[in-house]
PDB file of N, CA and C in Angstrom:
ATOM      1  N   MET A   1      13.253 140.963 -61.901  1.00  0.00           N
ATOM      2  CA  MET A   1      12.197 140.102 -62.479  1.00  0.00           C
ATOM      3  C   MET A   1      12.433 138.422 -62.085  1.00  0.00           C
ATOM      4  N   ARG A   2      11.554 137.765 -61.509  1.00  0.00           N
ATOM      5  CA  ARG A   2      11.852 136.351 -60.934  1.00  0.00           C
ATOM      6  C   ARG A   2      12.184 135.458 -62.389  1.00  0.00           C
ATOM      7  N   GLN A   3      12.909 134.645 -61.985  1.00  0.00           N
ATOM      8  CA  GLN A   3      13.244 133.528 -63.172  1.00  0.00           C
ATOM      9  C   GLN A   3      12.172 132.688 -63.661  1.00  0.00           C
ATOM     10  N   PHE A   4      12.450 131.986 -64.841  1.00  0.00           N
ATOM     11  CA  PHE A   4      11.167 131.240 -65.080  1.00  0.00           C
ATOM     12  C   PHE A   4      10.711 130.107 -64.274  1.00  0.00           C
ATOM     13  N   GLU A   5      12.194 129.484 -63.895  1.00  0.00           N
ATOM     14  CA  GLU A   5      12.044 128.020 -62.940  1.00  0.00           C
ATOM     15  C   GLU A   5      11.248 128.564 -61.538  1.00  0.00           C
ATOM     16  N   LYS A   6      11.472 129.647 -61.447  1.00  0.00           N
ATOM     17  CA  LYS A   6      10.672 129.975 -60.054  1.00  0.00           C
ATOM     18  C   LYS A   6       9.572 130.250 -59.829  1.00  0.00           C
ATOM     19  N   LEU A   7       8.343 130.225 -61.016  1.00  0.00           N
ATOM     20  CA  LEU A   7       7.305 130.743 -61.209  1.00  0.00           C
ATOM     21  C   LEU A   7       6.537 129.423 -60.738  1.00  0.00           C
ATOM     22  N   LEU A   8       5.280 130.456 -59.957  1.00  0.00           N
ATOM     23  CA  LEU A   8       4.375 129.411 -59.230  1.00  0.00           C
ATOM     24  C   LEU A   8       3.313 129.260 -60.405  1.00  0.00           C
ATOM     25  N   PHE A   9       2.209 128.599 -60.209  1.00  0.00           N
ATOM     26  CA  PHE A   9       0.946 128.529 -60.806  1.00  0.00           C
ATOM     27  C   PHE A   9       0.411 130.120 -60.867  1.00  0.00           C
ATOM     28  N   LYS A  10       0.031 130.522 -59.592  1.00  0.00           N
ATOM     29  CA  LYS A  10      -0.385 131.669 -59.293  1.00  0.00           C
ATOM     30  C   LYS A  10       0.138 132.892 -59.886  1.00  0.00           C
ATOM     31  N   ASP A  11       1.305 132.610 -60.078  1.00  0.00           N
ATOM     32  CA  ASP A  11       1.824 133.637 -61.150  1.00  0.00           C
ATOM     33  C   ASP A  11       1.357 134.168 -62.497  1.00  0.00           C
ATOM     34  N   ASP A  12       1.156 135.613 -62.607  1.00  0.00           N
ATOM     35  CA  ASP A  12       0.495 136.006 -63.595  1.00  0.00           C
ATOM     36  C   ASP A  12       0.732 135.378 -64.965  1.00  0.00           C
ATOM     37  N   PHE A  13       2.293 135.028 -65.503  1.00  0.00           N
ATOM     38  CA  PHE A  13       2.336 134.692 -66.509  1.00  0.00           C
ATOM     39  C   PHE A  13       2.067 133.354 -66.794  1.00  0.00           C
ATOM     40  N   MET A  14       2.627 132.429 -65.675  1.00  0.00           N
ATOM     41  CA  MET A  14       2.269 130.928 -65.516  1.00  0.00           C
ATOM     42  C   MET A  14       0.891 130.530 -65.660  1.00  0.00           C
ATOM     43  N   PHE A  15       0.242 131.266 -64.577  1.00  0.00           N
ATOM     44  CA  PHE A  15      -1.181 130.985 -64.867  1.00  0.00           C
ATOM     45  C   PHE A  15      -1.740 130.876 -65.962  1.00  0.00           C
ATOM     46  N   SER A  16      -1.469 132.047 -67.053  1.00  0.00           N
ATOM     47  CA  SER A  16      -1.851 132.410 -68.573  1.00  0.00           C
ATOM     48  C   SER A  16      -1.443 131.366 -69.307  1.00  0.00           C
ATOM     49  N   ALA A  17      -0.326 131.163 -69.228  1.00  0.00           N
ATOM     50  CA  ALA A  17       0.337 130.153 -70.058  1.00  0.00           C
ATOM     51  C   ALA A  17       0.197 128.764 -69.986  1.00  0.00           C
ATOM     52  N   VAL A  18      -0.182 128.329 -68.460  1.00  0.00           N
ATOM     53  CA  VAL A  18      -0.795 126.858 -68.397  1.00  0.00           C
ATOM     54  C   VAL A  18      -1.995 126.608 -68.877  1.00  0.00           C
ATOM     55  N   CYS A  19      -2.823 127.639 -68.803  1.00  0.00           N
ATOM     56  CA  CYS A  19      -4.064 127.658 -69.317  1.00  0.00           C
ATOM     57  C   CYS A  19      -4.220 127.424 -70.708  1.00  0.00           C
ATOM     58  N   TYR A  20      -3.703 127.904 -71.044  1.00  0.00           N
ATOM     59  CA  TYR A  20      -3.329 128.621 -72.797  1.00  0.00           C
ATOM     60  C   TYR A  20      -2.912 127.021 -73.770  1.00  0.00           C
ATOM     61  N   GLU A  21      -1.926 126.641 -72.598  1.00  0.00           N
ATOM     62  CA  GLU A  21      -1.362 125.641 -73.261  1.00  0.00           C
ATOM     63  C   GLU A  21      -2.086 124.207 -72.957  1.00  0.00           C
ATOM     64  N   ASN A  22      -3.111 124.250 -71.858  1.00  0.00           N
ATOM     65  CA  ASN A  22      -3.838 123.144 -71.474  1.00  0.00           C
ATOM     66  C   ASN A  22      -5.128 123.453 -71.429  1.00  0.00           C
ATOM     67  N   PRO A  23      -6.068 123.773 -72.169  1.00  0.00           N
ATOM     68  CA  PRO A  23      -7.513 124.371 -72.466  1.00  0.00           C
ATOM     69  C   PRO A  23      -8.268 123.542 -71.255  1.00  0.00           C
ATOM     70  N   GLU A  24      -7.946 122.477 -71.196  1.00  0.00           N
ATOM     71  CA  GLU A  24      -8.299 121.293 -70.274  1.00  0.00           C
ATOM     72  C   GLU A  24      -8.630 122.003 -68.871  1.00  0.00           C
ATOM     73  N   ILE A  25      -7.369 122.568 -68.662  1.00  0.00           N
ATOM     74  CA  ILE A  25      -7.338 123.111 -67.161  1.00  0.00           C
ATOM     75  C   ILE A  25      -8.230 123.935 -66.928  1.00  0.00           C
ATOM     76  N   ALA A  26      -8.582 125.188 -67.957  1.00  0.00           N
ATOM     77  CA  ALA A  26      -9.223 126.393 -68.096  1.00  0.00           C
ATOM     78  C   ALA A  26     -10.886 125.915 -68.173  1.00  0.00           C
ATOM     79  N   ARG A  27     -10.653 125.031 -68.893  1.00  0.00           N
ATOM     80  CA  ARG A  27     -12.431 124.613 -68.695  1.00  0.00           C
ATOM     81  C   ARG A  27     -12.731 123.902 -67.588  1.00  0.00           C
ATOM     82  N   LYS A  28     -12.005 123.185 -66.994  1.00  0.00           N
ATOM     83  CA  LYS A  28     -12.516 122.720 -65.796  1.00  0.00           C
ATOM     84  C   LYS A  28     -12.182 123.464 -64.440  1.00  0.00           C
ATOM     85  N   LEU A  29     -11.840 124.779 -64.469  1.00  0.00           N
ATOM     86  CA  LEU A  29     -11.676 125.633 -63.443  1.00  0.00           C
ATOM     87  C   LEU A  29     -12.824 126.287 -63.667  1.00  0.00           C
ATOM     88  N   ALA A  30     -13.292 126.716 -64.865  1.00  0.00           N
ATOM     89  CA  ALA A  30     -14.886 127.612 -64.892  1.00  0.00           C
ATOM     90  C   ALA A  30     -15.774 126.676 -64.745  1.00  0.00           C
ATOM     91  N   GLU A  31     -15.772 125.322 -65.133  1.00  0.00           N
ATOM     92  CA  GLU A  31     -16.799 124.452 -64.601  1.00  0.00           C
ATOM     93  C   GLU A  31     -17.341 124.178 -63.175  1.00  0.00           C
ATOM     94  N   VAL A  32     -15.897 124.402 -62.596  1.00  0.00           N
ATOM     95  CA  VAL A  32     -15.888 124.513 -60.903  1.00  0.00           C
ATOM     96  C   VAL A  32     -16.265 125.561 -60.486  1.00  0.00           C
ATOM     97  N   PHE A  33     -16.037 126.764 -60.606  1.00  0.00           N
ATOM     98  CA  PHE A  33     -16.269 128.297 -60.448  1.00  0.00           C
ATOM     99  C   PHE A  33     -18.096 128.429 -60.485  1.00  0.00           C
ATOM    100  N   THR A  34     -18.590 128.121 -61.873  1.00  0.00           N
ATOM    101  CA  THR A  34     -19.740 128.275 -62.419  1.00  0.00           C
ATOM    102  C   THR A  34     -20.805 126.859 -61.944  1.00  0.00           C
ATOM    103  N   GLY A  35     -20.504 126.010 -61.848  1.00  0.00           N
ATOM    104  CA  GLY A  35     -21.027 125.134 -61.778  1.00  0.00           C
ATOM    105  C   GLY A  35     -21.827 124.532 -63.150  1.00  0.00           C
ATOM    106  N   ARG A  36     -21.408 124.857 -64.151  1.00  0.00           N
ATOM    107  CA  ARG A  36     -21.930 124.328 -65.644  1.00  0.00           C
ATOM    108  C   ARG A  36     -21.008 123.787 -66.177  1.00  0.00           C
ATOM    109  N   LYS A  37     -21.562 122.885 -66.978  1.00  0.00           N
ATOM    110  CA  LYS A  37     -20.520 121.734 -67.656  1.00  0.00           C
ATOM    111  C   LYS A  37     -20.670 122.760 -68.982  1.00  0.00           C
ATOM    112  N   ILE A  38     -19.483 122.526 -69.751  1.00  0.00           N
ATOM    113  CA  ILE A  38     -18.949 123.254 -70.756  1.00  0.00           C
ATOM    114  C   ILE A  38     -18.180 122.135 -71.873  1.00  0.00           C
ATOM    115  N   VAL A  39     -18.842 122.165 -72.450  1.00  0.00           N
ATOM    116  CA  VAL A  39     -18.643 120.877 -73.667  1.00  0.00           C
ATOM    117  C   VAL A  39     -17.249 121.107 -74.557  1.00  0.00           C
ATOM    118  N   LYS A  40     -17.399 122.371 -75.066  1.00  0.00           N
ATOM    119  CA  LYS A  40     -16.113 122.518 -75.833  1.00  0.00           C
ATOM    120  C   LYS A  40     -15.847 124.149 -75.460  1.00  0.00           C
ATOM    121  N   VAL A  41     -14.459 124.223 -75.614  1.00  0.00           N
ATOM    122  CA  VAL A  41     -13.623 125.370 -75.350  1.00  0.00           C
ATOM    123  C   VAL A  41     -12.988 126.150 -76.981  1.00  0.00           C
ATOM    124  N   HIS A  42     -13.241 127.061 -77.254  1.00  0.00           N
ATOM    125  CA  HIS A  42     -12.944 127.268 -78.729  1.00  0.00           C
ATOM    126  C   HIS A  42     -12.534 129.121 -78.349  1.00  0.00           C
ATOM    127  N   ASN A  43     -12.079 129.535 -79.300  1.00  0.00           N
ATOM    128  CA  ASN A  43     -11.269 131.017 -78.909  1.00  0.00           C
ATOM    129  C   ASN A  43     -10.545 131.331 -77.780  1.00  0.00           C
ATOM    130  N   LEU A  44      -9.765 130.341 -77.513  1.00  0.00           N
ATOM    131  CA  LEU A  44      -8.972 130.785 -76.280  1.00  0.00           C
ATOM    132  C   LEU A  44      -7.910 131.395 -75.998  1.00  0.00           C
ATOM    133  N   ARG A  45      -7.845 132.530 -75.259  1.00  0.00           N
ATOM    134  CA  ARG A  45      -6.659 133.794 -75.717  1.00  0.00           C
ATOM    135  C   ARG A  45      -6.010 133.863 -74.251  1.00  0.00           C
ATOM    136  N   GLN A  46      -4.928 133.919 -74.399  1.00  0.00           N
ATOM    137  CA  GLN A  46      -4.266 134.667 -72.686  1.00  0.00           C
ATOM    138  C   GLN A  46      -3.673 136.197 -72.945  1.00  0.00           C
ATOM    139  N   GLN A  47      -4.137 136.680 -71.759  1.00  0.00           N
ATOM    140  CA  GLN A  47      -3.444 138.241 -71.684  1.00  0.00           C
ATOM    141  C   GLN A  47      -4.387 138.777 -72.650  1.00  0.00           C
ATOM    142  N   ASP A  48      -5.465 138.577 -72.708  1.00  0.00           N
ATOM    143  CA  ASP A  48      -6.689 139.077 -73.633  1.00  0.00           C
ATOM    144  C   ASP A  48      -6.864 140.582 -73.227  1.00  0.00           C
ATOM    145  N   TRP A  49      -6.415 141.512 -74.046  1.00  0.00           N
ATOM    146  CA  TRP A  49      -6.670 142.913 -73.724  1.00  0.00           C
ATOM    147  C   TRP A  49      -7.906 143.673 -74.461  1.00  0.00           C
ATOM    148  N   VAL A  50      -8.349 143.997 -73.646  1.00  0.00           N
ATOM    149  CA  VAL A  50     -10.340 144.645 -73.900  1.00  0.00           C
ATOM    150  C   VAL A  50      -9.893 146.122 -73.855  1.00  0.00           C
ATOM    151  N   SER A  51      -9.928 146.894 -74.985  1.00  0.00           N
ATOM    152  CA  SER A  51      -9.691 148.292 -74.944  1.00  0.00           C
ATOM    153  C   SER A  51     -10.756 149.032 -75.854  1.00  0.00           C
ATOM    154  N   ILE A  52     -11.374 149.557 -75.170  1.00  0.00           N
ATOM    155  CA  ILE A  52     -12.686 150.253 -76.356  1.00  0.00           C
ATOM    156  C   ILE A  52     -12.219 151.437 -76.604  1.00  0.00           C
ATOM    157  N   ASP A  53     -11.302 152.771 -75.971  1.00  0.00           N
ATOM    158  CA  ASP A  53     -10.737 153.877 -76.320  1.00  0.00           C
ATOM    159  C   ASP A  53      -9.372 153.878 -75.846  1.00  0.00           C
ATOM    160  N   PRO A  54      -9.007 154.256 -76.343  1.00  0.00           N
ATOM    161  CA  PRO A  54      -7.115 154.891 -75.721  1.00  0.00           C
ATOM    162  C   PRO A  54      -7.002 155.433 -74.928  1.00  0.00           C
ATOM    163  N   VAL A  55      -8.540 156.235 -74.234  1.00  0.00           N
ATOM    164  CA  VAL A  55      -8.227 157.391 -73.255  1.00  0.00           C
ATOM    165  C   VAL A  55      -8.625 156.414 -71.843  1.00  0.00           C
ATOM    166  N   LEU A  56      -9.441 155.346 -72.342  1.00  0.00           N
ATOM    167  CA  LEU A  56     -10.098 154.633 -71.105  1.00  0.00           C
ATOM    168  C   LEU A  56      -9.218 153.822 -70.706  1.00  0.00           C
ATOM    169  N   LYS A  57      -9.559 153.592 -69.204  1.00  0.00           N
ATOM    170  CA  LYS A  57      -8.861 152.306 -68.732  1.00  0.00           C
ATOM    171  C   LYS A  57      -8.705 151.152 -69.305  1.00  0.00           C
ATOM    172  N   LYS A  58      -7.966 150.502 -69.540  1.00  0.00           N
ATOM    173  CA  LYS A  58      -7.534 148.949 -70.188  1.00  0.00           C
ATOM    174  C   LYS A  58      -7.867 147.892 -69.277  1.00  0.00           C
ATOM    175  N   VAL A  59      -8.654 146.831 -69.853  1.00  0.00           N
ATOM    176  CA  VAL A  59      -9.127 145.543 -69.198  1.00  0.00           C
ATOM    177  C   VAL A  59      -7.883 144.710 -69.515  1.00  0.00           C
ATOM    178  N   ARG A  60      -6.989 143.443 -69.042  1.00  0.00           N
ATOM    179  CA  ARG A  60      -6.595 142.589 -69.357  1.00  0.00           C
ATOM    180  C   ARG A  60      -6.720 141.435 -68.333  1.00  0.00           C
ATOM    181  N   LEU A  61      -7.218 140.489 -69.473  1.00  0.00           N
ATOM    182  CA  LEU A  61      -7.657 139.244 -68.852  1.00  0.00           C
ATOM    183  C   LEU A  61      -6.432 138.055 -68.630  1.00  0.00           C
ATOM    184  N   ASP A  62      -6.576 137.337 -67.311  1.00  0.00           N
ATOM    185  CA  ASP A  62      -5.194 136.018 -67.899  1.00  0.00           C
ATOM    186  C   ASP A  62      -6.037 135.443 -68.934  1.00  0.00           C
ATOM    187  N   VAL A  63      -7.032 134.574 -68.878  1.00  0.00           N
ATOM    188  CA  VAL A  63      -7.306 133.617 -69.947  1.00  0.00           C
ATOM    189  C   VAL A  63      -9.278 133.936 -70.303  1.00  0.00           C
ATOM    190  N   THR A  64      -9.450 133.873 -71.553  1.00  0.00           N
ATOM    191  CA  THR A  64     -10.796 134.108 -71.964  1.00  0.00           C
ATOM    192  C   THR A  64     -11.035 133.130 -73.162  1.00  0.00           C
ATOM    193  N   PHE A  65     -11.976 132.428 -72.667  1.00  0.00           N
ATOM    194  CA  PHE A  65     -12.588 131.670 -74.060  1.00  0.00           C
ATOM    195  C   PHE A  65     -14.010 131.537 -73.972  1.00  0.00           C
ATOM    196  N   GLU A  66     -14.425 130.954 -75.238  1.00  0.00           N
ATOM    197  CA  GLU A  66     -15.786 130.772 -75.400  1.00  0.00           C
ATOM    198  C   GLU A  66     -16.322 129.349 -75.197  1.00  0.00           C
ATOM    199  N   GLY A  67     -17.233 129.067 -74.835  1.00  0.00           N
ATOM    200  CA  GLY A  67     -17.559 127.673 -74.751  1.00  0.00           C
ATOM    201  C   GLY A  67     -19.333 127.806 -74.574  1.00  0.00           C
ATOM    202  N   ASP A  68     -19.921 126.921 -75.229  1.00  0.00           N
ATOM    203  CA  ASP A  68     -21.486 126.893 -75.267  1.00  0.00           C
ATOM    204  C   ASP A  68     -22.004 128.036 -75.534  1.00  0.00           C
ATOM    205  N   SER A  69     -21.412 128.741 -76.266  1.00  0.00           N
ATOM    206  CA  SER A  69     -22.449 130.190 -76.451  1.00  0.00           C
ATOM    207  C   SER A  69     -22.300 131.232 -75.301  1.00  0.00           C
ATOM    208  N   THR A  70     -21.044 130.808 -74.546  1.00  0.00           N
ATOM    209  CA  THR A  70     -20.786 131.899 -73.004  1.00  0.00           C
ATOM    210  C   THR A  70     -19.431 132.222 -73.312  1.00  0.00           C
ATOM    211  N   ILE A  71     -19.191 133.296 -72.814  1.00  0.00           N
ATOM    212  CA  ILE A  71     -17.882 133.688 -72.663  1.00  0.00           C
ATOM    213  C   ILE A  71     -17.620 133.560 -71.300  1.00  0.00           C
ATOM    214  N   TYR A  72     -16.277 132.932 -70.930  1.00  0.00           N
ATOM    215  CA  TYR A  72     -15.774 132.890 -69.799  1.00  0.00           C
ATOM    216  C   TYR A  72     -14.187 133.723 -69.469  1.00  0.00           C
ATOM    217  N   CYS A  73     -14.001 134.313 -68.784  1.00  0.00           N
ATOM    218  CA  CYS A  73     -12.634 134.939 -68.345  1.00  0.00           C
ATOM    219  C   CYS A  73     -12.667 134.507 -66.839  1.00  0.00           C
ATOM    220  N   ILE A  74     -11.251 134.136 -66.773  1.00  0.00           N
ATOM    221  CA  ILE A  74     -10.678 133.703 -65.289  1.00  0.00           C
ATOM    222  C   ILE A  74      -9.342 134.626 -65.645  1.00  0.00           C
ATOM    223  N   GLU A  75      -9.456 135.108 -64.115  1.00  0.00           N
ATOM    224  CA  GLU A  75      -8.163 135.905 -63.503  1.00  0.00           C
ATOM    225  C   GLU A  75      -7.817 135.612 -62.249  1.00  0.00           C
ATOM    226  N   MET A  76      -6.314 135.229 -62.316  1.00  0.00           N
ATOM    227  CA  MET A  76      -5.500 134.993 -61.229  1.00  0.00           C
ATOM    228  C   MET A  76      -5.429 136.474 -60.218  1.00  0.00           C
ATOM    229  N   GLN A  77      -6.021 136.693 -59.081  1.00  0.00           N
ATOM    230  CA  GLN A  77      -5.703 137.709 -58.370  1.00  0.00           C
ATOM    231  C   GLN A  77      -5.248 137.081 -56.799  1.00  0.00           C
ATOM    232  N   VAL A  78      -3.887 137.693 -56.710  1.00  0.00           N
ATOM    233  CA  VAL A  78      -3.066 137.206 -55.649  1.00  0.00           C
ATOM    234  C   VAL A  78      -2.826 138.555 -54.652  1.00  0.00           C
ATOM    235  N   GLY A  79      -3.064 139.702 -55.582  1.00  0.00           N
ATOM    236  CA  GLY A  79      -2.556 140.723 -54.592  1.00  0.00           C
ATOM    237  C   GLY A  79      -4.058 141.298 -53.806  1.00  0.00           C
ATOM    238  N   LYS A  80      -3.878 142.147 -52.516  1.00  0.00           N
ATOM    239  CA  LYS A  80      -5.076 142.853 -52.319  1.00  0.00           C
ATOM    240  C   LYS A  80      -5.856 143.816 -53.170  1.00  0.00           C
ATOM    241  N   GLU A  81      -6.944 143.599 -53.497  1.00  0.00           N
ATOM    242  CA  GLU A  81      -7.702 144.556 -54.254  1.00  0.00           C
ATOM    243  C   GLU A  81      -8.799 144.995 -53.332  1.00  0.00           C
ATOM    244  N   LYS A  82      -8.889 146.364 -53.155  1.00  0.00           N
ATOM    245  CA  LYS A  82      -9.989 147.046 -52.754  1.00  0.00           C
ATOM    246  C   LYS A  82     -11.310 147.033 -53.168  1.00  0.00           C
ATOM    247  N   GLU A  83     -10.956 147.261 -54.270  1.00  0.00           N
ATOM    248  CA  GLU A  83     -12.255 147.615 -54.860  1.00  0.00           C
ATOM    249  C   GLU A  83     -12.603 146.424 -56.520  1.00  0.00           C
ATOM    250  N   LEU A  84     -12.829 145.378 -55.543  1.00  0.00           N
ATOM    251  CA  LEU A  84     -13.046 144.052 -56.326  1.00  0.00           C
ATOM    252  C   LEU A  84     -14.258 143.908 -56.948  1.00  0.00           C
ATOM    253  N   ALA A  85     -15.366 144.522 -56.331  1.00  0.00           N
ATOM    254  CA  ALA A  85     -16.858 144.345 -56.981  1.00  0.00           C
ATOM    255  C   ALA A  85     -16.606 145.319 -58.023  1.00  0.00           C
ATOM    256  N   GLU A  86     -15.934 146.723 -57.982  1.00  0.00           N
ATOM    257  CA  GLU A  86     -16.274 147.412 -59.223  1.00  0.00           C
ATOM    258  C   GLU A  86     -15.456 146.943 -60.180  1.00  0.00           C
ATOM    259  N   ARG A  87     -14.303 146.234 -60.111  1.00  0.00           N
ATOM    260  CA  ARG A  87     -13.085 146.034 -61.289  1.00  0.00           C
ATOM    261  C   ARG A  87     -14.113 144.783 -61.766  1.00  0.00           C
ATOM    262  N   ILE A  88     -14.695 144.018 -61.155  1.00  0.00           N
ATOM    263  CA  ILE A  88     -15.595 142.593 -62.004  1.00  0.00           C
ATOM    264  C   ILE A  88     -16.439 143.632 -62.624  1.00  0.00           C
ATOM    265  N   ARG A  89     -17.352 144.444 -62.206  1.00  0.00           N
ATOM    266  CA  ARG A  89     -18.376 144.990 -63.261  1.00  0.00           C
ATOM    267  C   ARG A  89     -17.795 146.067 -64.237  1.00  0.00           C
ATOM    268  N   TYR A  90     -16.179 146.591 -64.111  1.00  0.00           N
ATOM    269  CA  TYR A  90     -15.919 146.910 -65.142  1.00  0.00           C
ATOM    270  C   TYR A  90     -15.502 146.263 -66.458  1.00  0.00           C
ATOM    271  N   TYR A  91     -14.854 144.678 -66.010  1.00  0.00           N
ATOM    272  CA  TYR A  91     -14.827 144.015 -66.798  1.00  0.00           C
ATOM    273  C   TYR A  91     -15.793 143.338 -67.300  1.00  0.00           C
ATOM    274  N   GLN A  92     -16.830 143.349 -66.782  1.00  0.00           N
ATOM    275  CA  GLN A  92     -18.019 142.762 -67.559  1.00  0.00           C
ATOM    276  C   GLN A  92     -18.449 143.932 -68.487  1.00  0.00           C
ATOM    277  N   SER A  93     -18.611 145.009 -68.348  1.00  0.00           N
ATOM    278  CA  SER A  93     -19.181 145.761 -69.294  1.00  0.00           C
ATOM    279  C   SER A  93     -18.271 145.566 -70.580  1.00  0.00           C
ATOM    280  N   ALA A  94     -16.765 145.657 -69.953  1.00  0.00           N
ATOM    281  CA  ALA A  94     -15.966 146.000 -71.549  1.00  0.00           C
ATOM    282  C   ALA A  94     -15.811 144.307 -72.035  1.00  0.00           C
ATOM    283  N   LYS A  95     -16.343 143.669 -71.776  1.00  0.00           N
ATOM    284  CA  LYS A  95     -16.407 142.442 -72.314  1.00  0.00           C
ATOM    285  C   LYS A  95     -17.705 142.522 -73.122  1.00  0.00           C
ATOM    286  N   ASP A  96     -18.965 142.830 -72.768  1.00  0.00           N
ATOM    287  CA  ASP A  96     -20.119 143.219 -73.356  1.00  0.00           C
ATOM    288  C   ASP A  96     -20.158 144.238 -74.585  1.00  0.00           C
ATOM    289  N   ILE A  97     -19.492 145.128 -74.254  1.00  0.00           N
ATOM    290  CA  ILE A  97     -19.276 146.155 -75.419  1.00  0.00           C
ATOM    291  C   ILE A  97     -18.678 145.778 -76.477  1.00  0.00           C
ATOM    292  N   GLU A  98     -17.449 144.451 -76.325  1.00  0.00           N
ATOM    293  CA  GLU A  98     -16.882 144.398 -77.197  1.00  0.00           C
ATOM    294  C   GLU A  98     -17.324 143.235 -77.991  1.00  0.00           C
ATOM    295  N   GLN A  99     -18.563 142.895 -78.004  1.00  0.00           N
ATOM    296  CA  GLN A  99     -19.177 141.827 -78.130  1.00  0.00           C
ATOM    297  C   GLN A  99     -20.196 142.455 -79.580  1.00  0.00           C
ATOM    298  N   ILE A 100     -20.723 143.789 -79.286  1.00  0.00           N
ATOM    299  CA  ILE A 100     -21.769 144.261 -80.273  1.00  0.00           C
ATOM    300  C   ILE A 100     -21.107 145.386 -81.120  1.00  0.00           C
ATOM    301  N   ASN A 101     -21.133 145.281 -82.566  1.00  0.00           N
ATOM    302  CA  ASN A 101     -20.465 146.300 -83.507  1.00  0.00           C
ATOM    303  C   ASN A 101     -21.893 147.454 -83.306  1.00  0.00           C
ATOM    304  N   LYS A 102     -21.389 148.623 -83.698  1.00  0.00           N
ATOM    305  CA  LYS A 102     -22.198 149.904 -84.000  1.00  0.00           C
ATOM    306  C   LYS A 102     -23.786 149.383 -84.860  1.00  0.00           C
ATOM    307  N   GLY A 103     -24.811 149.559 -84.480  1.00  0.00           N
ATOM    308  CA  GLY A 103     -26.067 149.282 -84.940  1.00  0.00           C
ATOM    309  C   GLY A 103     -26.642 147.965 -84.766  1.00  0.00           C
ATOM    310  N   GLY A 104     -25.288 147.159 -83.983  1.00  0.00           N
ATOM    311  CA  GLY A 104     -25.924 145.511 -83.517  1.00  0.00           C
ATOM    312  C   GLY A 104     -27.254 145.714 -82.500  1.00  0.00           C
ATOM    313  N   GLU A 105     -27.670 144.246 -82.466  1.00  0.00           N
ATOM    314  CA  GLU A 105     -28.769 144.078 -81.551  1.00  0.00           C
ATOM    315  C   GLU A 105     -28.116 143.868 -80.225  1.00  0.00           C
ATOM    316  N   TYR A 106     -29.300 144.039 -79.026  1.00  0.00           N
ATOM    317  CA  TYR A 106     -28.041 143.335 -77.560  1.00  0.00           C
ATOM    318  C   TYR A 106     -28.870 142.234 -77.393  1.00  0.00           C
ATOM    319  N   LYS A 107     -29.635 141.980 -78.097  1.00  0.00           N
ATOM    320  CA  LYS A 107     -30.249 140.389 -77.754  1.00  0.00           C
ATOM    321  C   LYS A 107     -29.270 139.401 -78.472  1.00  0.00           C
ATOM    322  N   ARG A 108     -27.876 139.832 -79.213  1.00  0.00           N
ATOM    323  CA  ARG A 108     -26.910 139.121 -79.516  1.00  0.00           C
ATOM    324  C   ARG A 108     -25.642 139.095 -78.281  1.00  0.00           C
ATOM    325  N   LEU A 109     -26.129 139.501 -77.464  1.00  0.00           N
ATOM    326  CA  LEU A 109     -25.160 139.436 -76.373  1.00  0.00           C
ATOM    327  C   LEU A 109     -25.082 138.046 -75.522  1.00  0.00           C
ATOM    328  N   GLN A 110     -23.811 137.623 -75.424  1.00  0.00           N
ATOM    329  CA  GLN A 110     -23.543 136.366 -75.130  1.00  0.00           C
ATOM    330  C   GLN A 110     -23.405 136.525 -73.383  1.00  0.00           C
ATOM    331  N   PRO A 111     -23.565 135.871 -72.811  1.00  0.00           N
ATOM    332  CA  PRO A 111     -23.225 135.889 -71.324  1.00  0.00           C
ATOM    333  C   PRO A 111     -22.243 135.630 -71.209  1.00  0.00           C
ATOM    334  N   VAL A 112     -21.419 136.497 -69.885  1.00  0.00           N
ATOM    335  CA  VAL A 112     -20.314 136.393 -69.470  1.00  0.00           C
ATOM    336  C   VAL A 112     -19.923 136.009 -68.248  1.00  0.00           C
ATOM    337  N   TYR A 113     -18.921 135.287 -68.207  1.00  0.00           N
ATOM    338  CA  TYR A 113     -18.888 134.893 -66.450  1.00  0.00           C
ATOM    339  C   TYR A 113     -17.123 135.499 -66.194  1.00  0.00           C
ATOM    340  N   ILE A 114     -17.212 136.581 -65.309  1.00  0.00           N
ATOM    341  CA  ILE A 114     -15.917 136.815 -64.837  1.00  0.00           C
ATOM    342  C   ILE A 114     -15.170 136.430 -63.275  1.00  0.00           C
ATOM    343  N   ILE A 115     -14.532 135.160 -63.616  1.00  0.00           N
ATOM    344  CA  ILE A 115     -13.967 134.433 -62.697  1.00  0.00           C
ATOM    345  C   ILE A 115     -12.801 135.270 -61.996  1.00  0.00           C
ATOM    346  N   PHE A 116     -12.849 135.396 -60.951  1.00  0.00           N
ATOM    347  CA  PHE A 116     -11.643 135.722 -60.266  1.00  0.00           C
ATOM    348  C   PHE A 116     -10.886 134.735 -59.052  1.00  0.00           C
ATOM    349  N   ILE A 117      -9.910 134.061 -59.352  1.00  0.00           N
ATOM    350  CA  ILE A 117      -9.329 133.118 -58.380  1.00  0.00           C
ATOM    351  C   ILE A 117      -8.631 134.137 -57.352  1.00  0.00           C
ATOM    352  N   CYS A 118      -8.933 134.218 -55.939  1.00  0.00           N
ATOM    353  CA  CYS A 118      -8.358 134.973 -55.165  1.00  0.00           C
ATOM    354  C   CYS A 118      -7.662 134.107 -54.075  1.00  0.00           C
TER     355      CYS A 118
END
């Protein structure tokens, strides 16, 4: 395991910790990558686990927050990922499923941006 002092911003733990402690960084990153103005960040989470069923593959996002009725998920990706498009699709669907309880209406779904920094 790497020593804490040697961690870089791109390292999983450091990226999520810095964004969590400095929500302005998470907000600015999301604005730059989406081209959208985000007025306020709320419900900021680091290492956000999404698990619909214990048998299914789990999703863990480095940073997740809500802003202006939209959900933003930011993931630092430093390794080579062969199935990036499929992974983003899976993360998007997991965040969608998380939003509606049984009997809920689909129109309550908030837009979701999954941002991978590669």
